[in-house]
Amino acid sequence: MASDPAHSGNVSRRKFIMGVGAAGLTGLAGCSGGGDGGDGGDGGNTDTTTDGSGMDTSPLQAGGSSTVYPVSDKAASYWTANRPANDGEYWGSNDEGNVPAWDQIQTDKNLADYWAGLYGYEPTDQEGQAPYLVSVNLSHSGTGVKNVRDGIVDIGNSSGNVEDELPDRDSYDDFVDHVCAVDGQPLVVSQELADAGVDKITGQQLKDLYKGRVDKWSDLDSSWPDKDVQVLARVKGSGTRTSFVSNVFGNPEEDTTVANRYGQNQRLAGAVADADNAISYLALAFINTDGLAPIALEWEGTTYTYQDDQNGLDSKKYPLSRDLHMYTWQGTSNKEAAFIRMCLHPFGQETFVKPNNYFALGESRRQAQLNKLPDTMN
């Protein structure tokens, strides 16, 4: 069973913040727009730990999955900017200074002031100064769920289920799973392969490729190039990899045979694009990388094609789809809930999820996720 903070000597970040002064917070928050593969939080600070009403205003830190990162980081940048209600670029508002485009939002408050105010935070009324900072670090899903468990971050981003990322635990009751979006992992190949006619593979061919049973592209189709196959993948501990092998092989710990593994989706996409013979799976947010092309997947008699309205990579049918998670530990604090609520609202789904090519939650799923949050105070 994986160790918990109480048993490993680690100090819960949530408890630690309450016991230090403002000067001691400098090392607890990472920079929004996180670094390349960092596991923990460095940098960032706040002037106070509480506002006038006694609310905790220490930095909120999220970290983990590079797949969830585009959603979480964009939300953090909007939060930090704290734009006024009449800023149509951020709020979708009109000239009268309210926000009629989003159901149940009628406000003249700045953006972060509004969402934090739902949980009792005092508004700053200042653009660029939110009631508390939000920062997002970039690493892996496994790191995200471990760090939220160990109190290093407040929100652990993961593109895999915590049960798959930490398979040796006896209980997962202390993890609160907030699903924020759905990703349909596309299969992509180097542009040269797509130009040469590699446009679809079957489920069996996909399994053969990731088990090292295929040497040449022409072995799969005689009309395809007589080039060596280069199979690429994410590193172990990545939620993207965990979800892929679970969906394809029915086992999140399945061994695969690949040429190279990459720590983040960004690097993996670049590697496929830089090659002329590569194939990989990828998070949808990175599908528009120059030099690579999505290909169709024929699975159990149905062909799924990127941007096909009937059999596309939608959240219900596509066999390589997976939920994207923002985990909290031992409940969800008001500070965490305000940020997550913003991401779950139609405003957040339209602004942070869809522009990254992920699927927004359907209304029933969205309401189910909202029901996991503490009640708002107004």
Protein backbone atom coordinates (compact mmCIF):
# COMPACT_ATOMS: atom_id res chain seq x y z
CA MET A 1 0.00 0.00 0.00
CA ALA A 2 1.36 3.45 -0.89
CA SER A 3 2.32 5.57 2.09
CA ASP A 4 0.31 8.58 3.17
CA PRO A 5 1.74 11.82 4.59
CA ALA A 6 0.79 10.92 8.15
CA HIS A 7 2.87 7.76 7.94
CA SER A 8 5.80 8.92 5.78
CA GLY A 9 6.91 12.01 7.70
CA ASN A 10 5.72 14.40 4.98
CA VAL A 11 3.88 17.52 6.05
CA SER A 12 0.55 18.26 4.40
CA ARG A 13 0.81 21.41 2.30
CA ARG A 14 -2.68 22.43 3.39
CA LYS A 15 -1.75 22.12 7.08
CA PHE A 16 1.71 23.64 6.58
CA ILE A 17 0.37 26.83 4.99
CA MET A 18 -1.74 27.53 8.04
CA GLY A 19 1.38 27.45 10.21
CA VAL A 20 3.74 29.75 8.30
CA GLY A 21 3.86 33.46 7.66
CA ALA A 22 3.71 35.14 4.28
CA ALA A 23 7.49 35.03 3.87
CA GLY A 24 7.42 31.26 4.19
CA LEU A 25 5.09 30.79 1.24
CA THR A 26 7.62 31.73 -1.41
CA GLY A 27 8.65 28.14 -2.12
CA LEU A 28 5.17 26.64 -2.17
CA ALA A 29 3.74 27.81 -5.50
CA GLY A 30 5.00 27.19 -9.01
CA CYS A 31 4.83 29.64 -11.86
CA SER A 32 1.77 29.59 -14.07
CA GLY A 33 3.01 28.29 -17.38
CA GLY A 34 4.97 25.58 -15.55
CA GLY A 35 8.38 24.25 -16.33
CA ASP A 36 9.41 21.27 -18.39
CA GLY A 37 8.70 18.19 -16.34
CA GLY A 38 9.06 19.63 -12.84
CA ASP A 39 7.46 17.59 -10.10
CA GLY A 40 7.06 20.11 -7.33
CA GLY A 41 6.32 23.78 -6.74
CA ASP A 42 9.00 26.48 -6.87
CA GLY A 43 8.54 30.20 -7.05
CA GLY A 44 5.43 32.34 -6.72
CA ASN A 45 4.35 34.22 -3.61
CA THR A 46 1.51 36.10 -2.00
CA ASP A 47 1.49 39.11 0.33
CA THR A 48 -0.97 37.67 2.83
CA THR A 49 -2.29 34.29 3.87
CA THR A 50 -5.78 35.50 4.74
CA ASP A 51 -8.13 38.25 3.56
CA GLY A 52 -10.19 40.57 5.73
CA SER A 53 -12.78 37.89 6.38
CA GLY A 54 -10.18 35.33 7.43
CA MET A 55 -10.28 33.31 4.18
CA ASP A 56 -7.12 31.44 3.17
CA THR A 57 -5.47 33.43 0.36
CA SER A 58 -2.25 31.42 0.10
CA PRO A 59 -1.46 30.24 -3.47
CA LEU A 60 -3.47 27.39 -4.93
CA GLN A 61 -1.14 24.97 -6.68
CA ALA A 62 -2.06 22.36 -9.27
CA GLY A 63 0.31 19.98 -11.01
CA GLY A 64 0.66 16.74 -12.91
CA SER A 65 -0.54 15.56 -16.32
CA SER A 66 0.68 17.29 -19.47
CA THR A 67 -2.67 16.36 -21.01
CA VAL A 68 -4.70 18.24 -18.39
CA TYR A 69 -2.12 21.03 -18.32
CA PRO A 70 -3.54 23.07 -21.27
CA VAL A 71 -6.97 23.22 -19.58
CA SER A 72 -5.66 23.91 -16.10
CA ASP A 73 -3.02 26.42 -17.17
CA LYS A 74 -5.37 28.44 -19.36
CA ALA A 75 -7.87 28.57 -16.50
CA ALA A 76 -5.08 29.73 -14.17
CA SER A 77 -4.06 32.49 -16.58
CA TYR A 78 -7.64 33.77 -16.77
CA TRP A 79 -7.89 33.61 -12.98
CA THR A 80 -4.65 35.51 -12.48
CA ALA A 81 -5.62 38.21 -14.99
CA ASN A 82 -8.86 38.85 -13.03
CA ARG A 83 -10.33 40.85 -15.91
CA PRO A 84 -13.35 43.10 -15.37
CA ALA A 85 -16.83 41.95 -16.36
CA ASN A 86 -16.91 44.25 -19.38
CA ASP A 87 -13.86 42.60 -20.93
CA GLY A 88 -15.57 40.64 -23.68
CA GLU A 89 -12.41 38.77 -24.69
CA TYR A 90 -12.36 37.04 -21.31
CA TRP A 91 -15.94 37.06 -20.10
CA GLY A 92 -17.95 37.07 -23.33
CA SER A 93 -19.75 40.05 -21.86
CA ASN A 94 -21.59 42.99 -23.39
CA ASP A 95 -21.11 46.75 -23.18
CA GLU A 96 -23.39 47.04 -20.14
CA GLY A 97 -20.78 45.27 -18.02
CA ASN A 98 -22.63 42.06 -17.24
CA VAL A 99 -22.22 38.54 -18.52
CA PRO A 100 -25.43 37.41 -20.21
CA ALA A 101 -23.79 34.79 -22.40
CA TRP A 102 -23.42 32.28 -19.57
CA ASP A 103 -26.36 30.78 -17.74
CA GLN A 104 -26.75 32.00 -14.16
CA ILE A 105 -23.90 34.51 -14.33
CA GLN A 106 -24.98 38.10 -13.90
CA THR A 107 -22.16 40.06 -12.34
CA ASP A 108 -20.17 43.25 -12.50
CA LYS A 109 -17.23 41.67 -10.65
CA ASN A 110 -13.85 40.85 -12.07
CA LEU A 111 -13.45 37.25 -13.17
CA ALA A 112 -11.55 35.69 -10.24
CA ASP A 113 -13.42 37.95 -7.81
CA TYR A 114 -16.68 36.44 -9.02
CA TRP A 115 -15.70 32.77 -8.71
CA ALA A 116 -13.84 33.19 -5.42
CA GLY A 117 -16.72 35.31 -4.11
CA LEU A 118 -19.06 32.34 -4.46
CA TYR A 119 -17.13 30.84 -1.55
CA GLY A 120 -16.89 33.94 0.62
CA TYR A 121 -13.70 35.56 -0.64
CA GLU A 122 -13.54 39.34 -0.65
CA PRO A 123 -13.05 40.88 -4.13
CA THR A 124 -9.86 42.76 -4.86
CA ASP A 125 -11.59 44.85 -7.55
CA GLN A 126 -8.22 45.03 -9.24
CA GLU A 127 -7.30 43.68 -12.66
CA GLY A 128 -4.27 41.40 -12.39
CA GLN A 129 -4.73 40.83 -8.65
CA ALA A 130 -6.92 37.83 -7.86
CA PRO A 131 -8.11 36.99 -4.32
CA TYR A 132 -5.43 34.28 -4.37
CA LEU A 133 -2.89 33.09 -6.92
CA VAL A 134 -3.30 29.90 -8.96
CA SER A 135 -0.24 28.20 -10.41
CA VAL A 136 0.12 25.05 -12.51
CA ASN A 137 3.16 22.79 -12.80
CA LEU A 138 3.82 20.29 -15.58
CA SER A 139 4.94 16.71 -14.93
CA HIS A 140 3.01 13.42 -15.20
CA SER A 141 -0.29 11.97 -14.02
CA GLY A 142 1.46 9.64 -11.61
CA THR A 143 3.31 12.60 -10.11
CA GLY A 144 0.09 14.59 -9.91
CA VAL A 145 -1.82 12.00 -7.87
CA LYS A 146 1.19 11.28 -5.64
CA ASN A 147 1.78 14.98 -4.97
CA VAL A 148 -1.84 15.68 -4.05
CA ARG A 149 -1.75 12.66 -1.75
CA ASP A 150 1.45 13.92 -0.12
CA GLY A 151 0.19 17.48 0.29
CA ILE A 152 2.66 18.98 -2.19
CA VAL A 153 -0.09 20.34 -4.44
CA ASP A 154 -3.73 21.20 -3.83
CA ILE A 155 -5.01 19.75 -7.13
CA GLY A 156 -3.43 16.73 -8.79
CA ASN A 157 -3.99 16.75 -12.55
CA SER A 158 -4.23 13.31 -14.12
CA SER A 159 -5.28 11.86 -17.45
CA GLY A 160 -5.50 8.41 -15.90
CA ASN A 161 -7.68 7.06 -13.11
CA VAL A 162 -5.97 7.17 -9.72
CA GLU A 163 -6.65 3.42 -9.39
CA ASP A 164 -4.45 2.85 -12.45
CA GLU A 165 -1.81 5.41 -11.48
CA LEU A 166 -1.44 4.05 -7.92
CA PRO A 167 -2.46 0.41 -8.33
CA ASP A 168 -1.09 -0.86 -4.99
CA ARG A 169 -3.32 1.13 -2.65
CA ASP A 170 -5.87 -0.60 -0.44
CA SER A 171 -8.27 2.37 -0.55
CA TYR A 172 -8.89 5.41 -2.73
CA ASP A 173 -11.54 6.98 -0.52
CA ASP A 174 -9.40 10.02 0.32
CA PHE A 175 -9.09 11.02 -3.34
CA VAL A 176 -11.91 13.21 -4.68
CA ASP A 177 -12.16 12.81 -8.45
CA HIS A 178 -13.24 15.95 -10.33
CA VAL A 179 -13.60 15.08 -14.03
CA CYS A 180 -13.09 18.31 -15.98
CA ALA A 181 -13.08 17.14 -19.63
CA VAL A 182 -12.86 14.13 -21.95
CA ASP A 183 -9.98 13.36 -24.31
CA GLY A 184 -10.25 11.11 -27.33
CA GLN A 185 -6.67 10.03 -28.00
CA PRO A 186 -5.99 10.22 -31.75
CA LEU A 187 -3.47 8.04 -33.52
CA VAL A 188 -0.96 10.12 -35.48
CA VAL A 189 1.78 9.41 -38.00
CA SER A 190 4.56 11.47 -39.52
CA GLN A 191 3.29 13.66 -42.35
CA GLU A 192 5.42 11.78 -44.93
CA LEU A 193 3.61 8.55 -44.08
CA ALA A 194 0.22 10.24 -44.38
CA ASP A 195 1.24 11.69 -47.74
CA ALA A 196 2.22 8.18 -48.83
CA GLY A 197 -1.22 6.79 -48.04
CA VAL A 198 -1.01 5.63 -44.42
CA ASP A 199 -4.46 6.76 -43.35
CA LYS A 200 -5.99 3.93 -41.28
CA ILE A 201 -5.01 0.95 -39.15
CA THR A 202 -7.05 -1.75 -37.46
CA GLY A 203 -7.16 -2.54 -33.78
CA GLN A 204 -5.16 -5.72 -34.36
CA GLN A 205 -2.52 -3.81 -36.34
CA LEU A 206 -2.31 -1.32 -33.49
CA LYS A 207 -1.72 -4.13 -31.01
CA ASP A 208 0.91 -5.68 -33.28
CA LEU A 209 2.70 -2.34 -33.64
CA TYR A 210 2.89 -1.80 -29.88
CA LYS A 211 4.00 -5.38 -29.26
CA GLY A 212 6.94 -5.03 -31.69
CA ARG A 213 5.56 -7.51 -34.22
CA VAL A 214 5.86 -5.18 -37.24
CA ASP A 215 9.16 -4.17 -38.86
CA LYS A 216 8.17 -2.33 -42.05
CA TRP A 217 5.17 -0.23 -42.97
CA SER A 218 4.86 -2.30 -46.13
CA ASP A 219 4.30 -5.35 -43.89
CA LEU A 220 0.91 -3.88 -42.99
CA ASP A 221 -0.04 -2.83 -46.53
CA SER A 222 2.00 -3.54 -49.64
CA SER A 223 1.12 -0.10 -51.04
CA TRP A 224 2.69 1.65 -48.04
CA PRO A 225 6.37 2.74 -47.93
CA ASP A 226 9.08 0.14 -47.44
CA LYS A 227 10.31 2.01 -44.39
CA ASP A 228 11.15 0.83 -40.91
CA VAL A 229 8.35 1.32 -38.42
CA GLN A 230 9.17 3.69 -35.55
CA VAL A 231 6.67 3.24 -32.73
CA LEU A 232 6.73 6.08 -30.16
CA ALA A 233 4.96 6.43 -26.83
CA ARG A 234 4.74 8.26 -23.51
CA VAL A 235 6.82 7.25 -20.49
CA LYS A 236 5.52 4.88 -17.84
CA GLY A 237 3.79 6.91 -15.14
CA SER A 238 2.10 9.04 -17.78
CA GLY A 239 -1.69 8.98 -17.63
CA THR A 240 -1.76 9.16 -21.42
CA ARG A 241 0.18 5.89 -21.63
CA THR A 242 -1.80 4.26 -18.82
CA SER A 243 -5.10 5.04 -20.52
CA PHE A 244 -3.84 3.94 -23.93
CA VAL A 245 -2.59 0.50 -22.88
CA SER A 246 -5.66 -0.01 -20.71
CA ASN A 247 -8.00 0.79 -23.61
CA VAL A 248 -6.04 -1.22 -26.20
CA PHE A 249 -4.97 -4.24 -24.15
CA GLY A 250 -7.42 -4.17 -21.25
CA ASN A 251 -4.59 -3.85 -18.71
CA PRO A 252 -3.13 -0.52 -17.49
CA GLU A 253 0.19 -2.24 -16.70
CA GLU A 254 0.59 -3.98 -20.06
CA ASP A 255 4.16 -4.06 -21.38
CA THR A 256 4.73 -2.59 -24.84
CA THR A 257 7.69 -2.47 -27.20
CA VAL A 258 8.52 1.00 -28.55
CA ALA A 259 11.50 2.83 -30.02
CA ASN A 260 11.38 5.82 -27.67
CA ARG A 261 9.27 7.21 -24.84
CA TYR A 262 8.67 10.88 -24.04
CA GLY A 263 7.84 12.67 -20.83
CA GLN A 264 5.27 15.12 -22.18
CA ASN A 265 2.79 15.21 -25.04
CA GLN A 266 4.59 18.26 -26.43
CA ARG A 267 7.82 16.34 -26.91
CA LEU A 268 6.08 13.27 -28.27
CA ALA A 269 4.22 15.32 -30.86
CA GLY A 270 7.48 16.96 -31.91
CA ALA A 271 9.22 13.60 -32.25
CA VAL A 272 6.50 12.23 -34.56
CA ALA A 273 6.63 15.43 -36.61
CA ASP A 274 10.43 15.37 -36.90
CA ALA A 275 10.47 11.77 -38.14
CA ASP A 276 9.33 10.35 -41.50
CA ASN A 277 8.28 6.89 -40.28
CA ALA A 278 6.72 7.29 -36.82
CA ILE A 279 3.38 6.45 -35.26
CA SER A 280 2.05 7.26 -31.81
CA TYR A 281 -1.01 8.03 -29.72
CA LEU A 282 -1.42 11.58 -28.48
CA ALA A 283 -3.67 13.87 -26.46
CA LEU A 284 -6.14 15.77 -28.63
CA ALA A 285 -4.79 19.15 -27.53
CA PHE A 286 -1.63 18.51 -29.56
CA ILE A 287 -3.24 17.25 -32.76
CA ASN A 288 -2.48 20.43 -34.73
CA THR A 289 1.30 20.10 -34.43
CA ASP A 290 2.89 20.75 -37.84
CA GLY A 291 4.46 17.68 -39.41
CA LEU A 292 2.07 15.02 -38.12
CA ALA A 293 -1.33 13.79 -39.25
CA PRO A 294 -4.18 11.91 -37.54
CA ILE A 295 -5.16 8.54 -38.97
CA ALA A 296 -8.36 6.54 -38.63
CA LEU A 297 -8.78 3.53 -36.36
CA GLU A 298 -10.92 0.56 -37.34
CA TRP A 299 -12.07 -1.06 -34.10
CA GLU A 300 -14.48 -4.00 -33.91
CA GLY A 301 -16.04 -3.22 -37.28
CA THR A 302 -16.37 0.56 -36.87
CA THR A 303 -13.95 3.10 -38.35
CA TYR A 304 -13.30 6.19 -36.23
CA THR A 305 -11.97 9.22 -38.05
CA TYR A 306 -10.80 12.54 -36.63
CA GLN A 307 -13.47 15.25 -37.06
CA ASP A 308 -16.03 12.80 -38.42
CA ASP A 309 -19.39 13.86 -36.98
CA GLN A 310 -20.79 10.34 -36.94
CA ASN A 311 -17.78 8.21 -35.99
CA GLY A 312 -15.27 10.75 -34.72
CA LEU A 313 -13.27 10.77 -31.52
CA ASP A 314 -16.30 11.60 -29.39
CA SER A 315 -16.52 10.86 -25.72
CA LYS A 316 -18.98 7.94 -25.94
CA LYS A 317 -17.96 5.81 -28.89
CA TYR A 318 -14.24 6.18 -29.54
CA PRO A 319 -12.38 3.26 -27.92
CA LEU A 320 -9.36 5.38 -26.99
CA SER A 321 -11.27 8.07 -25.10
CA ARG A 322 -10.55 8.81 -21.43
CA ASP A 323 -11.62 11.23 -18.70
CA LEU A 324 -9.36 14.06 -17.58
CA HIS A 325 -9.18 14.53 -13.82
CA MET A 326 -8.44 17.18 -11.21
CA TYR A 327 -7.98 15.25 -7.96
CA THR A 328 -8.20 16.74 -4.49
CA TRP A 329 -7.32 14.98 -1.23
CA GLN A 330 -9.52 14.36 1.81
CA GLY A 331 -12.32 16.58 0.61
CA THR A 332 -12.30 19.74 -1.47
CA SER A 333 -11.60 23.09 0.18
CA ASN A 334 -13.49 26.26 -0.72
CA LYS A 335 -10.34 27.58 -2.37
CA GLU A 336 -10.02 24.48 -4.54
CA ALA A 337 -13.75 24.40 -5.24
CA ALA A 338 -13.88 27.97 -6.58
CA PHE A 339 -11.27 27.21 -9.25
CA ILE A 340 -12.74 23.81 -10.18
CA ARG A 341 -16.27 25.26 -10.34
CA MET A 342 -15.04 27.83 -12.86
CA CYS A 343 -13.62 25.00 -15.01
CA LEU A 344 -16.85 22.97 -14.80
CA HIS A 345 -19.22 25.85 -15.58
CA PRO A 346 -20.30 26.21 -19.24
CA PHE A 347 -18.03 29.29 -19.28
CA GLY A 348 -15.02 27.14 -18.39
CA GLN A 349 -16.00 24.26 -20.66
CA GLU A 350 -16.34 26.62 -23.63
CA THR A 351 -13.27 28.70 -22.77
CA PHE A 352 -10.73 26.20 -21.40
CA VAL A 353 -11.82 22.76 -22.62
CA LYS A 354 -13.14 23.08 -26.18
CA PRO A 355 -10.39 25.39 -27.53
CA ASN A 356 -7.89 22.68 -26.57
CA ASN A 357 -9.77 20.16 -28.75
CA TYR A 358 -11.08 18.23 -25.76
CA PHE A 359 -14.74 17.28 -25.31
CA ALA A 360 -16.86 19.24 -22.88
CA LEU A 361 -18.82 17.26 -20.32
CA GLY A 362 -22.45 16.53 -21.11
CA GLU A 363 -24.94 18.26 -18.86
CA SER A 364 -25.69 15.26 -16.64
CA ARG A 365 -21.99 14.53 -16.12
CA ARG A 366 -21.24 18.19 -15.50
CA GLN A 367 -23.95 18.37 -12.83
CA ALA A 368 -22.63 15.21 -11.21
CA GLN A 369 -19.19 16.79 -10.94
CA LEU A 370 -20.62 20.02 -9.54
CA ASN A 371 -22.42 17.99 -6.88
CA LYS A 372 -19.03 16.88 -5.53
CA LEU A 373 -18.09 20.49 -4.68
CA PRO A 374 -18.95 22.30 -1.45
CA ASP A 375 -22.08 24.45 -1.63
CA THR A 376 -21.50 28.06 -2.58
CA MET A 377 -22.09 30.75 0.04
CA ASN A 378 -24.24 32.96 -2.17
